[in-house]
C-alpha atoms as a PDB file:
ATOM      1  CA  MET A   1      -1.641 -12.045  24.645  1.00  0.00           C
ATOM      2  CA  LYS A   2      -4.955 -13.840  24.995  1.00  0.00           C
ATOM      3  CA  THR A   3      -6.123 -15.737  21.933  1.00  0.00           C
ATOM      4  CA  VAL A   4      -9.753 -15.978  20.931  1.00  0.00           C
ATOM      5  CA  LYS A   5     -11.528 -18.586  18.876  1.00  0.00           C
ATOM      6  CA  TYR A   6     -14.847 -18.761  17.160  1.00  0.00           C
ATOM      7  CA  LEU A   7     -16.214 -22.053  16.026  1.00  0.00           C
ATOM      8  CA  ILE A   8     -18.481 -22.995  13.188  1.00  0.00           C
ATOM      9  CA  PRO A   9     -20.300 -26.295  13.525  1.00  0.00           C
ATOM     10  CA  LEU A  10     -21.414 -27.064   9.965  1.00  0.00           C
ATOM     11  CA  ALA A  11     -24.257 -29.518   9.437  1.00  0.00           C
ATOM     12  CA  ILE A  12     -23.889 -31.648   6.311  1.00  0.00           C
ATOM     13  CA  GLY A  13     -27.092 -33.556   5.683  1.00  0.00           C
ATOM     14  CA  PHE A  14     -28.772 -35.198   8.660  1.00  0.00           C
ATOM     15  CA  LEU A  15     -27.243 -36.743  11.741  1.00  0.00           C
ATOM     16  CA  SER A  16     -28.508 -40.301  11.607  1.00  0.00           C
ATOM     17  CA  GLY A  17     -27.580 -43.696  12.954  1.00  0.00           C
ATOM     18  CA  PRO A  18     -24.729 -44.398  10.489  1.00  0.00           C
ATOM     19  CA  ALA A  19     -23.047 -41.074  11.310  1.00  0.00           C
ATOM     20  CA  PHE A  20     -22.181 -42.283  14.790  1.00  0.00           C
ATOM     21  CA  GLY A  21     -20.239 -45.181  13.322  1.00  0.00           C
ATOM     22  CA  GLU A  22     -18.335 -42.776  11.072  1.00  0.00           C
ATOM     23  CA  MET A  23     -16.996 -40.984  14.168  1.00  0.00           C
ATOM     24  CA  GLY A  24     -15.331 -44.156  15.329  1.00  0.00           C
ATOM     25  CA  ASN A  25     -14.615 -44.281  19.056  1.00  0.00           C
ATOM     26  CA  LYS A  26     -14.480 -40.488  19.383  1.00  0.00           C
ATOM     27  CA  MET A  27     -17.832 -39.817  21.045  1.00  0.00           C
ATOM     28  CA  LYS A  28     -16.408 -37.097  23.302  1.00  0.00           C
ATOM     29  CA  GLY A  29     -13.785 -34.438  22.739  1.00  0.00           C
ATOM     30  CA  SER A  30     -12.810 -30.793  23.076  1.00  0.00           C
ATOM     31  CA  ILE A  31     -13.298 -28.415  20.170  1.00  0.00           C
ATOM     32  CA  SER A  32     -10.884 -25.960  21.825  1.00  0.00           C
ATOM     33  CA  ASP A  33      -8.134 -28.565  21.992  1.00  0.00           C
ATOM     34  CA  SER A  34      -8.688 -29.533  18.345  1.00  0.00           C
ATOM     35  CA  VAL A  35      -8.048 -26.064  16.882  1.00  0.00           C
ATOM     36  CA  GLN A  36      -4.427 -24.897  17.004  1.00  0.00           C
ATOM     37  CA  LEU A  37      -4.396 -21.113  16.546  1.00  0.00           C
ATOM     38  CA  LYS A  38      -1.951 -19.588  14.066  1.00  0.00           C
ATOM     39  CA  LYS A  39      -1.115 -15.875  14.247  1.00  0.00           C
ATOM     40  CA  GLU A  40      -0.381 -15.548  10.528  1.00  0.00           C
ATOM     41  CA  ASP A  41      -3.620 -17.050   9.184  1.00  0.00           C
ATOM     42  CA  LYS A  42      -6.988 -18.394  10.224  1.00  0.00           C
ATOM     43  CA  SER A  43      -6.949 -21.852  11.782  1.00  0.00           C
ATOM     44  CA  VAL A  44      -9.281 -24.596  10.554  1.00  0.00           C
ATOM     45  CA  ALA A  45      -9.736 -28.142  11.877  1.00  0.00           C
ATOM     46  CA  SER A  46     -12.310 -30.729  10.842  1.00  0.00           C
ATOM     47  CA  LEU A  47     -13.312 -32.579  13.999  1.00  0.00           C
ATOM     48  CA  PHE A  48     -15.310 -35.320  12.331  1.00  0.00           C
ATOM     49  CA  SER A  49     -17.283 -35.704   9.157  1.00  0.00           C
ATOM     50  CA  GLY A  50     -19.709 -37.951   7.409  1.00  0.00           C
ATOM     51  CA  SER A  51     -23.402 -37.193   7.751  1.00  0.00           C
ATOM     52  CA  PHE A  52     -22.495 -34.413  10.184  1.00  0.00           C
ATOM     53  CA  LYS A  53     -19.438 -32.193  10.150  1.00  0.00           C
ATOM     54  CA  VAL A  54     -18.027 -29.839  12.765  1.00  0.00           C
ATOM     55  CA  VAL A  55     -15.363 -27.382  11.669  1.00  0.00           C
ATOM     56  CA  GLY A  56     -13.450 -25.424  14.295  1.00  0.00           C
ATOM     57  CA  ILE A  57     -12.088 -22.086  13.099  1.00  0.00           C
ATOM     58  CA  GLY A  58      -9.827 -19.809  15.125  1.00  0.00           C
ATOM     59  CA  LEU A  59      -9.136 -16.173  14.264  1.00  0.00           C
ATOM     60  CA  MET A  60      -6.758 -13.648  15.738  1.00  0.00           C
ATOM     61  CA  LYS A  61      -7.866 -10.006  16.081  1.00  0.00           C
ATOM     62  CA  GLY A  62      -8.559  -8.494  12.657  1.00  0.00           C
ATOM     63  CA  GLN A  63      -8.523 -11.814  10.781  1.00  0.00           C
ATOM     64  CA  LYS A  64     -11.481 -12.651   8.532  1.00  0.00           C
ATOM     65  CA  LEU A  65     -13.172 -15.681   7.150  1.00  0.00           C
ATOM     66  CA  GLU A  66     -13.750 -14.059   3.735  1.00  0.00           C
ATOM     67  CA  LYS A  67     -17.127 -14.033   1.980  1.00  0.00           C
ATOM     68  CA  HIS A  68     -18.225 -17.516   1.026  1.00  0.00           C
ATOM     69  CA  THR A  69     -21.258 -19.797   0.845  1.00  0.00           C
ATOM     70  CA  THR A  70     -21.943 -23.318   2.066  1.00  0.00           C
ATOM     71  CA  PRO A  71     -24.058 -25.863   0.157  1.00  0.00           C
ATOM     72  CA  THR A  72     -26.034 -26.761   3.293  1.00  0.00           C
ATOM     73  CA  SER A  73     -27.329 -24.959   6.358  1.00  0.00           C
ATOM     74  CA  ALA A  74     -24.642 -23.972   8.853  1.00  0.00           C
ATOM     75  CA  PHE A  75     -24.646 -22.926  12.496  1.00  0.00           C
ATOM     76  CA  LEU A  76     -22.128 -20.348  13.729  1.00  0.00           C
ATOM     77  CA  TYR A  77     -21.358 -20.538  17.451  1.00  0.00           C
ATOM     78  CA  VAL A  78     -18.966 -18.067  19.085  1.00  0.00           C
ATOM     79  CA  GLN A  79     -17.036 -19.908  21.783  1.00  0.00           C
ATOM     80  CA  SER A  80     -15.083 -16.902  23.064  1.00  0.00           C
ATOM     81  CA  GLY A  81     -14.275 -13.323  22.121  1.00  0.00           C
ATOM     82  CA  ALA A  82     -16.347 -11.253  19.697  1.00  0.00           C
ATOM     83  CA  VAL A  83     -16.913 -11.278  15.935  1.00  0.00           C
ATOM     84  CA  VAL A  84     -18.846  -9.314  13.328  1.00  0.00           C
ATOM     85  CA  PHE A  85     -20.995 -11.591  11.178  1.00  0.00           C
ATOM     86  CA  SER A  86     -22.150 -10.198   7.810  1.00  0.00           C
ATOM     87  CA  MET A  87     -24.887 -11.700   5.646  1.00  0.00           C
ATOM     88  CA  GLY A  88     -27.431 -10.241   3.243  1.00  0.00           C
ATOM     89  CA  GLY A  89     -26.113  -6.697   3.634  1.00  0.00           C
ATOM     90  CA  LYS A  90     -26.587  -6.779   7.412  1.00  0.00           C
ATOM     91  CA  MET A  91     -23.947  -6.954  10.132  1.00  0.00           C
ATOM     92  CA  GLU A  92     -24.409  -8.645  13.503  1.00  0.00           C
ATOM     93  CA  SER A  93     -22.068  -8.335  16.481  1.00  0.00           C
ATOM     94  CA  LEU A  94     -21.740 -11.697  18.188  1.00  0.00           C
ATOM     95  CA  ARG A  95     -19.899 -12.494  21.416  1.00  0.00           C
ATOM     96  CA  ALA A  96     -19.119 -15.623  23.422  1.00  0.00           C
ATOM     97  CA  GLY A  97     -22.194 -17.820  23.725  1.00  0.00           C
ATOM     98  CA  ASP A  98     -24.036 -16.224  20.766  1.00  0.00           C
ATOM     99  CA  TYR A  99     -25.016 -18.169  17.664  1.00  0.00           C
ATOM    100  CA  PHE A 100     -26.414 -17.507  14.209  1.00  0.00           C
ATOM    101  CA  ALA A 101     -28.199 -19.918  11.847  1.00  0.00           C
ATOM    102  CA  ILE A 102     -26.964 -19.609   8.249  1.00  0.00           C
ATOM    103  CA  PRO A 103     -29.179 -20.777   5.371  1.00  0.00           C
ATOM    104  CA  PRO A 104     -27.613 -22.776   2.530  1.00  0.00           C
ATOM    105  CA  LYS A 105     -26.037 -20.881  -0.392  1.00  0.00           C
ATOM    106  CA  GLU A 106     -26.206 -17.550   1.497  1.00  0.00           C
ATOM    107  CA  MET A 107     -23.089 -15.359   1.095  1.00  0.00           C
ATOM    108  CA  HIS A 108     -21.596 -14.558   4.516  1.00  0.00           C
ATOM    109  CA  GLU A 109     -18.385 -13.381   6.203  1.00  0.00           C
ATOM    110  CA  VAL A 110     -16.964 -13.349   9.747  1.00  0.00           C
ATOM    111  CA  GLU A 111     -14.333 -11.019  11.238  1.00  0.00           C
ATOM    112  CA  ARG A 112     -12.831 -11.212  14.702  1.00  0.00           C
ATOM    113  CA  LEU A 113     -13.142  -7.995  16.713  1.00  0.00           C
ATOM    114  CA  GLN A 114     -11.269  -8.589  19.941  1.00  0.00           C
END
Protein backbone atom coordinates (compact mmCIF):
# COMPACT_ATOMS: atom_id res chain seq x y z
CA MET A 1 0.00 0.00 0.00
CA LYS A 2 1.36 3.39 -0.99
CA THR A 3 1.51 5.97 1.77
CA VAL A 4 0.85 9.64 1.19
CA LYS A 5 2.02 12.64 3.14
CA TYR A 6 1.01 16.24 3.26
CA LEU A 7 3.25 18.78 4.86
CA ILE A 8 2.53 22.01 6.63
CA PRO A 9 5.39 24.48 6.83
CA LEU A 10 4.33 26.85 9.61
CA ALA A 11 5.93 30.28 9.79
CA ILE A 12 6.44 31.56 13.33
CA GLY A 13 7.47 35.20 13.24
CA PHE A 14 10.07 36.22 10.68
CA LEU A 15 13.01 34.29 9.33
CA SER A 16 15.95 36.48 10.24
CA GLY A 17 19.67 36.17 10.77
CA PRO A 18 19.50 34.59 14.26
CA ALA A 19 17.13 31.87 13.03
CA PHE A 20 19.88 30.30 10.95
CA GLY A 21 22.00 29.85 14.05
CA GLU A 22 19.07 28.17 15.81
CA MET A 23 19.05 25.45 13.13
CA GLY A 24 22.57 24.48 14.03
CA ASN A 25 24.45 22.66 11.28
CA LYS A 26 21.26 21.36 9.65
CA MET A 27 21.04 23.66 6.63
CA LYS A 28 19.82 20.88 4.33
CA GLY A 29 17.52 17.93 4.90
CA SER A 30 14.56 15.91 3.66
CA ILE A 31 11.09 16.61 4.99
CA SER A 32 9.95 13.20 3.70
CA ASP A 33 12.65 11.41 5.67
CA SER A 34 11.78 13.36 8.83
CA VAL A 35 8.13 12.27 9.02
CA GLN A 36 7.57 8.63 9.98
CA LEU A 37 4.02 7.67 8.96
CA LYS A 38 1.83 5.83 11.47
CA LYS A 39 -1.27 3.96 10.28
CA GLU A 40 -3.16 4.41 13.55
CA ASP A 41 -2.82 8.19 13.89
CA LYS A 42 -1.55 11.28 12.13
CA SER A 43 2.22 11.72 12.14
CA VAL A 44 3.82 15.00 13.22
CA ALA A 45 7.50 15.99 13.25
CA SER A 46 9.02 19.39 14.01
CA LEU A 47 11.97 19.80 11.66
CA PHE A 48 13.40 22.92 13.24
CA SER A 49 12.08 25.83 15.21
CA GLY A 50 12.99 29.22 16.49
CA SER A 51 12.05 32.23 14.40
CA PHE A 52 10.80 29.84 11.72
CA LYS A 53 9.17 26.46 12.18
CA VAL A 54 8.44 23.68 9.72
CA VAL A 55 6.08 20.93 10.81
CA GLY A 56 5.76 17.80 8.70
CA ILE A 57 2.43 16.01 9.01
CA GLY A 58 1.60 12.66 7.41
CA LEU A 59 -1.93 11.29 7.06
CA MET A 60 -3.21 7.95 5.88
CA LYS A 61 -6.41 7.81 3.78
CA GLY A 62 -9.37 9.11 5.78
CA GLN A 63 -7.29 10.62 8.59
CA LYS A 64 -7.91 14.25 9.54
CA LEU A 65 -6.05 17.09 11.12
CA GLU A 66 -9.10 18.25 13.12
CA LYS A 67 -10.31 21.86 13.17
CA HIS A 68 -7.79 24.14 14.80
CA THR A 69 -6.21 27.59 14.55
CA THR A 70 -2.63 28.81 14.56
CA PRO A 71 -1.49 32.06 16.22
CA THR A 72 0.50 33.09 13.13
CA SER A 73 0.15 32.76 9.38
CA ALA A 74 0.72 29.25 8.05
CA PHE A 75 1.45 27.78 4.63
CA LEU A 76 0.02 24.38 3.69
CA TYR A 77 1.96 22.54 0.98
CA VAL A 78 0.80 19.15 -0.30
CA GLN A 79 3.87 17.06 -1.06
CA SER A 80 2.02 14.03 -2.44
CA GLY A 81 -1.48 12.59 -2.65
CA ALA A 82 -4.64 14.65 -2.27
CA VAL A 83 -6.39 16.38 0.64
CA VAL A 84 -9.54 18.41 1.27
CA PHE A 85 -8.75 21.69 3.02
CA SER A 86 -11.64 23.43 4.82
CA MET A 87 -11.61 27.02 6.04
CA GLY A 88 -14.28 29.68 6.45
CA GLY A 89 -17.08 27.36 5.35
CA LYS A 90 -15.35 26.59 2.04
CA MET A 91 -13.66 23.38 0.94
CA GLU A 92 -10.69 23.19 -1.42
CA SER A 93 -9.34 20.03 -3.05
CA LEU A 94 -5.56 20.14 -3.08
CA ARG A 95 -3.18 17.66 -4.70
CA ALA A 96 0.59 17.19 -4.88
CA GLY A 97 2.31 20.50 -5.59
CA ASP A 98 -0.66 22.66 -4.48
CA TYR A 99 -0.46 25.10 -1.59
CA PHE A 100 -2.77 27.29 0.46
CA ALA A 101 -1.92 30.34 2.58
CA ILE A 102 -3.68 30.30 5.97
CA PRO A 103 -4.21 33.56 7.88
CA PRO A 104 -3.55 33.63 11.63
CA LYS A 105 -6.37 32.61 14.00
CA GLU A 106 -8.47 31.21 11.12
CA MET A 107 -10.23 27.90 11.93
CA HIS A 108 -9.22 25.22 9.41
CA GLU A 109 -9.12 21.45 8.90
CA VAL A 110 -7.38 19.01 6.53
CA GLU A 111 -8.45 15.49 5.51
CA ARG A 112 -6.54 13.08 3.32
CA LEU A 113 -8.51 11.79 0.33
CA GLN A 114 -6.30 9.23 -1.36
